[in-house]
C-alpha cells in the first residue's frame, strides 16, 4: 500500500524531528540524520524509536 504524498509531507523522525525519506522498494521510512529505518505495517508507519532498524 502506497503512502499518500500529503501524509509523507507531514511525517518527521520521532527522534530528531528531521525529514523522513520514503524508500518504496524497501517499504520503509528512513532518517538520514539518525540513521534509522522505520517499517510500514499495512500502510501505517511505525514511528517507534525502540522498533526502528539501525542503518549502516
Protein backbone atom coordinates (compact mmCIF):
# COMPACT_ATOMS: atom_id res chain seq x y z
CA UNK A 1 0.00 0.00 0.00
CA UNK A 2 1.40 3.38 -1.04
CA UNK A 3 1.59 6.29 1.38
CA UNK A 4 -0.01 9.50 0.19
CA UNK A 5 2.17 12.49 -0.64
CA UNK A 6 0.05 14.51 1.80
CA UNK A 7 0.92 12.16 4.67
CA UNK A 8 4.59 11.96 3.71
CA UNK A 9 4.87 15.75 3.81
CA UNK A 10 3.74 15.76 7.46
CA UNK A 11 5.77 12.85 8.82
CA UNK A 12 9.02 13.56 10.66
CA UNK A 13 11.57 11.45 12.52
CA UNK A 14 10.39 10.94 16.11
CA UNK A 15 13.96 11.29 17.38
CA UNK A 16 15.38 14.37 15.63
CA UNK A 17 12.20 15.79 14.02
CA UNK A 18 14.00 15.74 10.67
CA UNK A 19 12.69 14.76 7.26
CA UNK A 20 11.98 11.11 6.52
CA UNK A 21 12.73 9.59 3.13
CA UNK A 22 10.22 7.08 1.77
CA UNK A 23 12.02 4.08 0.29
CA UNK A 24 9.25 2.45 -1.76
CA UNK A 25 11.32 -0.59 -2.76
CA UNK A 26 12.02 -1.41 0.90
CA UNK A 27 8.61 -0.32 2.20
CA UNK A 28 10.04 1.86 4.92
CA UNK A 29 10.85 5.40 6.00
CA UNK A 30 14.48 6.36 6.65
CA UNK A 31 16.06 9.19 8.60
CA UNK A 32 19.49 10.02 7.21
CA UNK A 33 20.43 12.11 10.25
CA UNK A 34 19.70 9.47 12.91
CA UNK A 35 20.47 6.56 10.55
CA UNK A 36 17.21 4.84 11.49
CA UNK A 37 14.66 2.99 9.34
CA UNK A 38 11.00 2.75 10.31
CA UNK A 39 8.84 -0.03 8.90
CA UNK A 40 5.38 0.40 7.43
CA UNK A 41 2.77 -2.15 8.54
CA UNK A 42 -0.34 -2.43 6.35
CA UNK A 43 0.07 1.17 5.20
CA UNK A 44 0.69 2.53 8.72
CA UNK A 45 4.16 3.94 9.53
CA UNK A 46 5.51 2.56 12.81
CA UNK A 47 7.44 5.55 14.16
CA UNK A 48 8.64 3.99 17.41
CA UNK A 49 12.32 4.60 18.11
CA UNK A 50 12.64 1.31 20.02
CA UNK A 51 11.38 -0.64 16.99
CA UNK A 52 13.45 1.21 14.37
CA UNK A 53 16.20 -0.57 12.48
CA UNK A 54 19.67 0.98 12.60
CA UNK A 55 21.09 1.74 9.17
CA UNK A 56 24.72 1.00 8.36
